C-alpha atoms as a PDB file:
ATOM      1  CA  UNK A   1     -14.268  39.992  14.860  1.00  0.00           C
ATOM      2  CA  UNK A   2     -10.548  39.732  16.196  1.00  0.00           C
ATOM      3  CA  UNK A   3      -8.241  38.680  13.427  1.00  0.00           C
ATOM      4  CA  UNK A   4      -7.568  35.237  14.855  1.00  0.00           C
ATOM      5  CA  UNK A   5     -11.289  34.406  14.802  1.00  0.00           C
ATOM      6  CA  UNK A   6     -11.294  35.481  11.313  1.00  0.00           C
ATOM      7  CA  UNK A   7      -8.606  33.046  10.326  1.00  0.00           C
ATOM      8  CA  UNK A   8      -9.835  30.446  12.225  1.00  0.00           C
ATOM      9  CA  UNK A   9     -12.951  30.744  10.383  1.00  0.00           C
ATOM     10  CA  UNK A  10     -11.073  30.956   7.015  1.00  0.00           C
ATOM     11  CA  UNK A  11      -9.273  27.968   7.575  1.00  0.00           C
ATOM     12  CA  UNK A  12     -12.082  25.760   9.079  1.00  0.00           C
ATOM     13  CA  UNK A  13     -13.038  25.282   5.307  1.00  0.00           C
ATOM     14  CA  UNK A  14     -10.969  23.916   2.658  1.00  0.00           C
ATOM     15  CA  UNK A  15     -11.826  23.775  -1.201  1.00  0.00           C
ATOM     16  CA  UNK A  16     -10.745  21.910  -4.255  1.00  0.00           C
ATOM     17  CA  UNK A  17     -10.911  19.110  -6.616  1.00  0.00           C
ATOM     18  CA  UNK A  18     -11.468  15.789  -4.704  1.00  0.00           C
ATOM     19  CA  UNK A  19     -10.632  12.251  -5.409  1.00  0.00           C
ATOM     20  CA  UNK A  20     -12.598   9.449  -3.599  1.00  0.00           C
ATOM     21  CA  UNK A  21     -10.513   6.707  -1.896  1.00  0.00           C
ATOM     22  CA  UNK A  22     -13.075   4.816  -0.708  1.00  0.00           C
ATOM     23  CA  UNK A  23     -16.721   5.289   0.179  1.00  0.00           C
ATOM     24  CA  UNK A  24     -16.494   7.767   2.827  1.00  0.00           C
ATOM     25  CA  UNK A  25     -13.081   9.406   2.394  1.00  0.00           C
ATOM     26  CA  UNK A  26     -11.934  12.054   0.096  1.00  0.00           C
ATOM     27  CA  UNK A  27      -8.542  13.659  -0.782  1.00  0.00           C
ATOM     28  CA  UNK A  28      -8.405  17.365  -1.623  1.00  0.00           C
ATOM     29  CA  UNK A  29      -4.781  18.215  -2.901  1.00  0.00           C
ATOM     30  CA  UNK A  30      -3.242  15.960  -0.378  1.00  0.00           C
ATOM     31  CA  UNK A  31      -5.744  16.694   2.591  1.00  0.00           C
ATOM     32  CA  UNK A  32      -7.878  13.246   3.651  1.00  0.00           C
ATOM     33  CA  UNK A  33     -11.284  13.540   4.905  1.00  0.00           C
ATOM     34  CA  UNK A  34     -13.191  11.205   6.320  1.00  0.00           C
ATOM     35  CA  UNK A  35     -16.969  11.928   5.999  1.00  0.00           C
ATOM     36  CA  UNK A  36     -18.175  12.937   9.433  1.00  0.00           C
ATOM     37  CA  UNK A  37     -21.714  11.090  10.495  1.00  0.00           C
ATOM     38  CA  UNK A  38     -21.869   8.239   7.968  1.00  0.00           C
ATOM     39  CA  UNK A  39     -20.416   4.723   7.615  1.00  0.00           C
ATOM     40  CA  UNK A  40     -19.931   3.165   4.269  1.00  0.00           C
ATOM     41  CA  UNK A  41     -19.099  -0.100   3.633  1.00  0.00           C
ATOM     42  CA  UNK A  42     -15.228  -1.395   3.555  1.00  0.00           C
ATOM     43  CA  UNK A  43     -13.657  -1.499   0.277  1.00  0.00           C
ATOM     44  CA  UNK A  44     -13.514  -5.428   0.450  1.00  0.00           C
ATOM     45  CA  UNK A  45     -17.031  -5.842   2.270  1.00  0.00           C
ATOM     46  CA  UNK A  46     -19.395  -8.324   0.309  1.00  0.00           C
ATOM     47  CA  UNK A  47     -23.097  -7.527  -0.016  1.00  0.00           C
ATOM     48  CA  UNK A  48     -25.866  -9.361  -2.007  1.00  0.00           C
ATOM     49  CA  UNK A  49     -27.882  -7.889  -4.672  1.00  0.00           C
ATOM     50  CA  UNK A  50     -31.373  -8.397  -5.252  1.00  0.00           C
ATOM     51  CA  UNK A  51     -30.888 -11.672  -6.692  1.00  0.00           C
ATOM     52  CA  UNK A  52     -28.689 -13.030  -3.799  1.00  0.00           C
ATOM     53  CA  UNK A  53     -25.632 -13.082  -5.829  1.00  0.00           C
ATOM     54  CA  UNK A  54     -22.363 -11.658  -4.190  1.00  0.00           C
ATOM     55  CA  UNK A  55     -20.878  -8.462  -4.989  1.00  0.00           C
ATOM     56  CA  UNK A  56     -18.192  -5.918  -3.441  1.00  0.00           C
ATOM     57  CA  UNK A  57     -20.331  -3.321  -2.335  1.00  0.00           C
ATOM     58  CA  UNK A  58     -17.467  -1.206  -0.907  1.00  0.00           C
ATOM     59  CA  UNK A  59     -15.871  -0.989  -4.100  1.00  0.00           C
ATOM     60  CA  UNK A  60     -19.502  -0.387  -5.759  1.00  0.00           C
ATOM     61  CA  UNK A  61     -19.897   2.646  -3.178  1.00  0.00           C
ATOM     62  CA  UNK A  62     -16.690   3.910  -3.570  1.00  0.00           C
ATOM     63  CA  UNK A  63     -17.297   4.077  -7.218  1.00  0.00           C
ATOM     64  CA  UNK A  64     -20.308   5.581  -7.028  1.00  0.00           C
ATOM     65  CA  UNK A  65     -18.814   8.414  -4.865  1.00  0.00           C
ATOM     66  CA  UNK A  66     -15.891   8.522  -7.229  1.00  0.00           C
ATOM     67  CA  UNK A  67     -18.379   9.370 -10.192  1.00  0.00           C
ATOM     68  CA  UNK A  68     -20.544  11.604  -8.129  1.00  0.00           C
ATOM     69  CA  UNK A  69     -17.839  14.012  -7.242  1.00  0.00           C
ATOM     70  CA  UNK A  70     -15.307  13.703 -10.580  1.00  0.00           C
ATOM     71  CA  UNK A  71     -14.296  17.114 -11.923  1.00  0.00           C
ATOM     72  CA  UNK A  72     -16.245  18.941  -9.179  1.00  0.00           C
ATOM     73  CA  UNK A  73     -15.236  21.449  -6.801  1.00  0.00           C
ATOM     74  CA  UNK A  74     -15.510  20.244  -3.134  1.00  0.00           C
ATOM     75  CA  UNK A  75     -15.818  22.325  -0.257  1.00  0.00           C
ATOM     76  CA  UNK A  76     -15.109  20.856   2.902  1.00  0.00           C
ATOM     77  CA  UNK A  77     -15.754  21.819   6.664  1.00  0.00           C
ATOM     78  CA  UNK A  78     -13.139  20.311   9.024  1.00  0.00           C
ATOM     79  CA  UNK A  79     -14.422  19.152  12.442  1.00  0.00           C
ATOM     80  CA  UNK A  80     -11.171  17.662  13.944  1.00  0.00           C
ATOM     81  CA  UNK A  81      -8.743  14.999  13.794  1.00  0.00           C
ATOM     82  CA  UNK A  82     -10.374  11.202  12.739  1.00  0.00           C
ATOM     83  CA  UNK A  83      -8.979   9.208  15.713  1.00  0.00           C
ATOM     84  CA  UNK A  84      -8.382   5.898  13.589  1.00  0.00           C
ATOM     85  CA  UNK A  85      -6.661   7.388  10.866  1.00  0.00           C
ATOM     86  CA  UNK A  86      -4.112  10.168  12.098  1.00  0.00           C
ATOM     87  CA  UNK A  87      -3.353  11.425   8.865  1.00  0.00           C
ATOM     88  CA  UNK A  88      -6.984  12.384   7.980  1.00  0.00           C
ATOM     89  CA  UNK A  89      -9.302  15.156   9.379  1.00  0.00           C
ATOM     90  CA  UNK A  90     -12.940  14.566   9.934  1.00  0.00           C
ATOM     91  CA  UNK A  91     -15.320  16.610   7.241  1.00  0.00           C
ATOM     92  CA  UNK A  92     -18.630  17.750   6.328  1.00  0.00           C
ATOM     93  CA  UNK A  93     -18.228  18.091   2.675  1.00  0.00           C
ATOM     94  CA  UNK A  94     -20.529  19.792  -0.219  1.00  0.00           C
ATOM     95  CA  UNK A  95     -20.529  19.652  -4.167  1.00  0.00           C
ATOM     96  CA  UNK A  96     -22.509  22.375  -5.793  1.00  0.00           C
ATOM     97  CA  UNK A  97     -24.517  22.972  -2.773  1.00  0.00           C
ATOM     98  CA  UNK A  98     -25.418  19.194  -2.369  1.00  0.00           C
ATOM     99  CA  UNK A  99     -24.250  17.714   0.876  1.00  0.00           C
ATOM    100  CA  UNK A 100     -22.139  14.706   0.045  1.00  0.00           C
ATOM    101  CA  UNK A 101     -22.417  12.970   3.412  1.00  0.00           C
ATOM    102  CA  UNK A 102     -26.151  13.046   3.255  1.00  0.00           C
ATOM    103  CA  UNK A 103     -25.848  11.936  -0.439  1.00  0.00           C
ATOM    104  CA  UNK A 104     -24.102   8.860   0.420  1.00  0.00           C
ATOM    105  CA  UNK A 105     -26.848   7.623   2.674  1.00  0.00           C
ATOM    106  CA  UNK A 106     -29.904   8.983   0.341  1.00  0.00           C
ATOM    107  CA  UNK A 107     -28.155   6.786  -2.170  1.00  0.00           C
ATOM    108  CA  UNK A 108     -28.116   3.682  -0.026  1.00  0.00           C
ATOM    109  CA  UNK A 109     -24.305   3.842   0.031  1.00  0.00           C
ATOM    110  CA  UNK A 110     -23.739   4.454   3.693  1.00  0.00           C
ATOM    111  CA  UNK A 111     -25.825   4.520   7.060  1.00  0.00           C
ATOM    112  CA  UNK A 112     -26.255   7.186   9.748  1.00  0.00           C
ATOM    113  CA  UNK A 113     -23.471   6.839  12.015  1.00  0.00           C
ATOM    114  CA  UNK A 114     -23.766   7.512  15.799  1.00  0.00           C
ATOM    115  CA  UNK A 115     -22.840   9.221  17.969  1.00  0.00           C
ATOM    116  CA  UNK A 116     -21.019  11.768  15.240  1.00  0.00           C
ATOM    117  CA  UNK A 117     -24.245  11.928  13.260  1.00  0.00           C
ATOM    118  CA  UNK A 118     -26.559  13.110  16.088  1.00  0.00           C
ATOM    119  CA  UNK A 119     -29.554  11.929  13.769  1.00  0.00           C
ATOM    120  CA  UNK A 120     -28.906  13.916  11.054  1.00  0.00           C
ATOM    121  CA  UNK A 121     -28.998  11.242   8.598  1.00  0.00           C
ATOM    122  CA  UNK A 122     -31.770   9.061  10.058  1.00  0.00           C
ATOM    123  CA  UNK A 123     -34.432  10.124   8.141  1.00  0.00           C
ATOM    124  CA  UNK A 124     -32.324   9.759   4.507  1.00  0.00           C
ATOM    125  CA  UNK A 125     -31.633   6.377   5.614  1.00  0.00           C
ATOM    126  CA  UNK A 126     -35.169   5.559   6.077  1.00  0.00           C
ATOM    127  CA  UNK A 127     -35.923   6.936   2.615  1.00  0.00           C
ATOM    128  CA  UNK A 128     -33.275   4.724   1.159  1.00  0.00           C
ATOM    129  CA  UNK A 129     -34.494   1.583   2.692  1.00  0.00           C
ATOM    130  CA  UNK A 130     -37.614   2.361   1.813  1.00  0.00           C
ATOM    131  CA  UNK A 131     -36.698   2.763  -1.647  1.00  0.00           C
ATOM    132  CA  UNK A 132     -34.398  -0.281  -1.882  1.00  0.00           C
ATOM    133  CA  UNK A 133     -31.352   2.009  -3.000  1.00  0.00           C
ATOM    134  CA  UNK A 134     -28.055   1.094  -3.343  1.00  0.00           C
ATOM    135  CA  UNK A 135     -27.068  -1.760  -0.761  1.00  0.00           C
ATOM    136  CA  UNK A 136     -30.710  -1.858   0.495  1.00  0.00           C
ATOM    137  CA  UNK A 137     -31.920  -3.591  -2.690  1.00  0.00           C
ATOM    138  CA  UNK A 138     -30.255  -6.631  -1.390  1.00  0.00           C
ATOM    139  CA  UNK A 139     -28.909  -7.881   1.593  1.00  0.00           C
ATOM    140  CA  UNK A 140     -26.140  -6.483   4.024  1.00  0.00           C
ATOM    141  CA  UNK A 141     -24.856  -5.945   7.541  1.00  0.00           C
ATOM    142  CA  UNK A 142     -23.617  -2.753   8.877  1.00  0.00           C
ATOM    143  CA  UNK A 143     -19.975  -1.795   8.011  1.00  0.00           C
ATOM    144  CA  UNK A 144     -18.824  -1.900  11.718  1.00  0.00           C
ATOM    145  CA  UNK A 145     -20.290  -5.627  12.315  1.00  0.00           C
ATOM    146  CA  UNK A 146     -18.355  -6.331   9.236  1.00  0.00           C
ATOM    147  CA  UNK A 147     -15.059  -4.697  10.426  1.00  0.00           C
ATOM    148  CA  UNK A 148     -15.504  -6.535  13.809  1.00  0.00           C
ATOM    149  CA  UNK A 149     -16.350  -9.886  12.143  1.00  0.00           C
ATOM    150  CA  UNK A 150     -19.587 -10.333  13.659  1.00  0.00           C
ATOM    151  CA  UNK A 151     -20.761 -12.981  11.554  1.00  0.00           C
ATOM    152  CA  UNK A 152     -23.221 -14.673  14.247  1.00  0.00           C
ATOM    153  CA  UNK A 153     -24.500 -11.561  15.863  1.00  0.00           C
ATOM    154  CA  UNK A 154     -24.861  -9.065  13.042  1.00  0.00           C
ATOM    155  CA  UNK A 155     -28.075  -7.716  11.869  1.00  0.00           C
ATOM    156  CA  UNK A 156     -29.075  -8.620   8.536  1.00  0.00           C
ATOM    157  CA  UNK A 157     -30.196  -5.467   6.675  1.00  0.00           C
ATOM    158  CA  UNK A 158     -31.725  -5.046   3.295  1.00  0.00           C
ATOM    159  CA  UNK A 159     -34.845  -6.148   1.226  1.00  0.00           C
ATOM    160  CA  UNK A 160     -34.173  -9.448   0.336  1.00  0.00           C
ATOM    161  CA  UNK A 161     -31.611 -11.771   2.706  1.00  0.00           C
ATOM    162  CA  UNK A 162     -31.733 -15.444   1.790  1.00  0.00           C
ATOM    163  CA  UNK A 163     -31.199 -18.575   4.075  1.00  0.00           C
ATOM    164  CA  UNK A 164     -27.483 -18.488   3.281  1.00  0.00           C
ATOM    165  CA  UNK A 165     -26.975 -14.639   3.586  1.00  0.00           C
ATOM    166  CA  UNK A 166     -24.684 -14.677   6.615  1.00  0.00           C
ATOM    167  CA  UNK A 167     -22.240 -17.120   4.913  1.00  0.00           C
ATOM    168  CA  UNK A 168     -22.193 -15.398   1.798  1.00  0.00           C
ATOM    169  CA  UNK A 169     -21.517 -11.799   3.920  1.00  0.00           C
ATOM    170  CA  UNK A 170     -18.792 -13.354   5.811  1.00  0.00           C
ATOM    171  CA  UNK A 171     -16.939 -15.582   3.496  1.00  0.00           C
ATOM    172  CA  UNK A 172     -14.143 -18.204   4.397  1.00  0.00           C
ATOM    173  CA  UNK A 173     -12.329 -17.332   1.214  1.00  0.00           C
ATOM    174  CA  UNK A 174     -13.350 -13.537   0.322  1.00  0.00           C
ATOM    175  CA  UNK A 175     -12.618 -11.883  -2.925  1.00  0.00           C
ATOM    176  CA  UNK A 176      -9.201  -9.853  -3.129  1.00  0.00           C
ATOM    177  CA  UNK A 177     -10.453  -6.200  -4.603  1.00  0.00           C
ATOM    178  CA  UNK A 178      -8.225  -4.902  -7.162  1.00  0.00           C
ATOM    179  CA  UNK A 179      -5.039  -3.065  -5.884  1.00  0.00           C
ATOM    180  CA  UNK A 180      -5.490  -4.186  -2.246  1.00  0.00           C
ATOM    181  CA  UNK A 181      -3.095  -7.242  -1.842  1.00  0.00           C
ATOM    182  CA  UNK A 182      -2.577  -7.057   2.071  1.00  0.00           C
ATOM    183  CA  UNK A 183      -4.019  -9.814   4.167  1.00  0.00           C
ATOM    184  CA  UNK A 184      -5.971  -9.738   6.990  1.00  0.00           C
ATOM    185  CA  UNK A 185      -6.580 -12.492   9.534  1.00  0.00           C
ATOM    186  CA  UNK A 186      -8.529 -12.244  12.662  1.00  0.00           C
ATOM    187  CA  UNK A 187      -6.585 -13.918  15.438  1.00  0.00           C
ATOM    188  CA  UNK A 188      -7.316 -14.173  19.389  1.00  0.00           C
ATOM    189  CA  UNK A 189      -3.600 -14.047  19.961  1.00  0.00           C
ATOM    190  CA  UNK A 190      -3.518 -10.823  18.513  1.00  0.00           C
ATOM    191  CA  UNK A 191      -5.116  -9.451  21.353  1.00  0.00           C
ATOM    192  CA  UNK A 192      -5.683  -6.578  22.086  1.00  0.00           C
ATOM    193  CA  UNK A 193      -5.600  -5.823  18.303  1.00  0.00           C
ATOM    194  CA  UNK A 194      -8.616  -7.571  16.194  1.00  0.00           C
ATOM    195  CA  UNK A 195      -5.997  -9.237  13.908  1.00  0.00           C
ATOM    196  CA  UNK A 196      -2.724  -9.725  12.263  1.00  0.00           C
ATOM    197  CA  UNK A 197      -1.986  -8.171   8.840  1.00  0.00           C
ATOM    198  CA  UNK A 198       0.365  -9.741   5.987  1.00  0.00           C
ATOM    199  CA  UNK A 199       2.294  -7.617   3.560  1.00  0.00           C
ATOM    200  CA  UNK A 200       3.453  -9.563   0.015  1.00  0.00           C
ATOM    201  CA  UNK A 201       6.941  -9.369   1.583  1.00  0.00           C
ATOM    202  CA  UNK A 202       6.386 -10.975   4.833  1.00  0.00           C
ATOM    203  CA  UNK A 203       7.404 -14.481   5.187  1.00  0.00           C
ATOM    204  CA  UNK A 204       3.805 -15.481   6.666  1.00  0.00           C
ATOM    205  CA  UNK A 205       2.045 -13.905   3.435  1.00  0.00           C
ATOM    206  CA  UNK A 206       1.924 -17.138   1.579  1.00  0.00           C
ATOM    207  CA  UNK A 207       1.036 -19.131   4.428  1.00  0.00           C
ATOM    208  CA  UNK A 208      -2.033 -17.154   4.949  1.00  0.00           C
ATOM    209  CA  UNK A 209      -4.191 -19.147   2.597  1.00  0.00           C
ATOM    210  CA  UNK A 210      -7.538 -17.856   3.708  1.00  0.00           C
ATOM    211  CA  UNK A 211      -7.467 -14.122   4.717  1.00  0.00           C
ATOM    212  CA  UNK A 212     -10.737 -12.826   6.429  1.00  0.00           C
ATOM    213  CA  UNK A 213     -10.028  -9.361   5.371  1.00  0.00           C
ATOM    214  CA  UNK A 214      -8.175  -7.612   2.398  1.00  0.00           C
ATOM    215  CA  UNK A 215      -6.504  -3.868   2.813  1.00  0.00           C
ATOM    216  CA  UNK A 216      -5.141  -1.518   0.356  1.00  0.00           C
ATOM    217  CA  UNK A 217      -2.753  -0.331   2.541  1.00  0.00           C
ATOM    218  CA  UNK A 218      -0.779  -0.609   6.154  1.00  0.00           C
ATOM    219  CA  UNK A 219      -2.603   2.654   7.289  1.00  0.00           C
ATOM    220  CA  UNK A 220      -5.992   0.883   6.581  1.00  0.00           C
ATOM    221  CA  UNK A 221      -5.069  -2.293   8.521  1.00  0.00           C
ATOM    222  CA  UNK A 222      -3.929  -0.502  11.377  1.00  0.00           C
ATOM    223  CA  UNK A 223      -6.823   1.870  11.628  1.00  0.00           C
ATOM    224  CA  UNK A 224      -9.234  -1.739  11.276  1.00  0.00           C
ATOM    225  CA  UNK A 225      -7.370  -2.874  14.622  1.00  0.00           C
ATOM    226  CA  UNK A 226      -4.994  -5.144  12.995  1.00  0.00           C
ATOM    227  CA  UNK A 227      -1.133  -5.463  13.925  1.00  0.00           C
ATOM    228  CA  UNK A 228       1.480  -6.260  11.498  1.00  0.00           C
ATOM    229  CA  UNK A 229       2.831  -9.900  11.578  1.00  0.00           C
ATOM    230  CA  UNK A 230       6.231 -10.202  13.434  1.00  0.00           C
ATOM    231  CA  UNK A 231       7.555 -11.766  10.289  1.00  0.00           C
ATOM    232  CA  UNK A 232       7.011  -8.332   8.762  1.00  0.00           C
ATOM    233  CA  UNK A 233       9.182  -6.837  11.115  1.00  0.00           C
ATOM    234  CA  UNK A 234      12.053  -8.648   9.706  1.00  0.00           C
ATOM    235  CA  UNK A 235      11.792  -6.792   6.418  1.00  0.00           C
END
């Protein structure tokens, strides 16, 4: 094999101990990977449990992933740049021979996500749905529907969805996940962006009393399609 091809083959993979940043993002020695082919709930996304009670499924999914990879060596195949997060790469990752991307779908903490999945995880999603695993034991909407705030159009998923599920899944006053204090508000005037975000030092932060979203970083807000408030530019 040509030396250049050997080098490319070597650097197509990266190994080390990982930290779960959210439900589908891993950091290995400073290198950030978005798990390819799956879509997991956002940190601030609400779901309903089997009793119809609200819980932050994005936080629960992230914790499940963090527990699964804790103290174990991860191997990730780099598949290219993440188009929404310039600092990240997309990756197909494994730990002790277990496909992490597939594991998330099997446990009900992520969905098969097209077109990048190319159908790889559809059967595992079906198994999680049939077994009522993870999010499937209650009621939820697909992460992409939550991100675009499709309150009236999103398909309700899961084993049990009460009559007031849609109101609970798209709350007017969502809970703030710990450490995620940036406020996001959907706004038509933000076009072509989905909305506007406000950090605590913004003049508009206190005035934004009922945010639609909570973000853990400005990078997350930008990747979600939000722009900074104009009052933030004066910092």
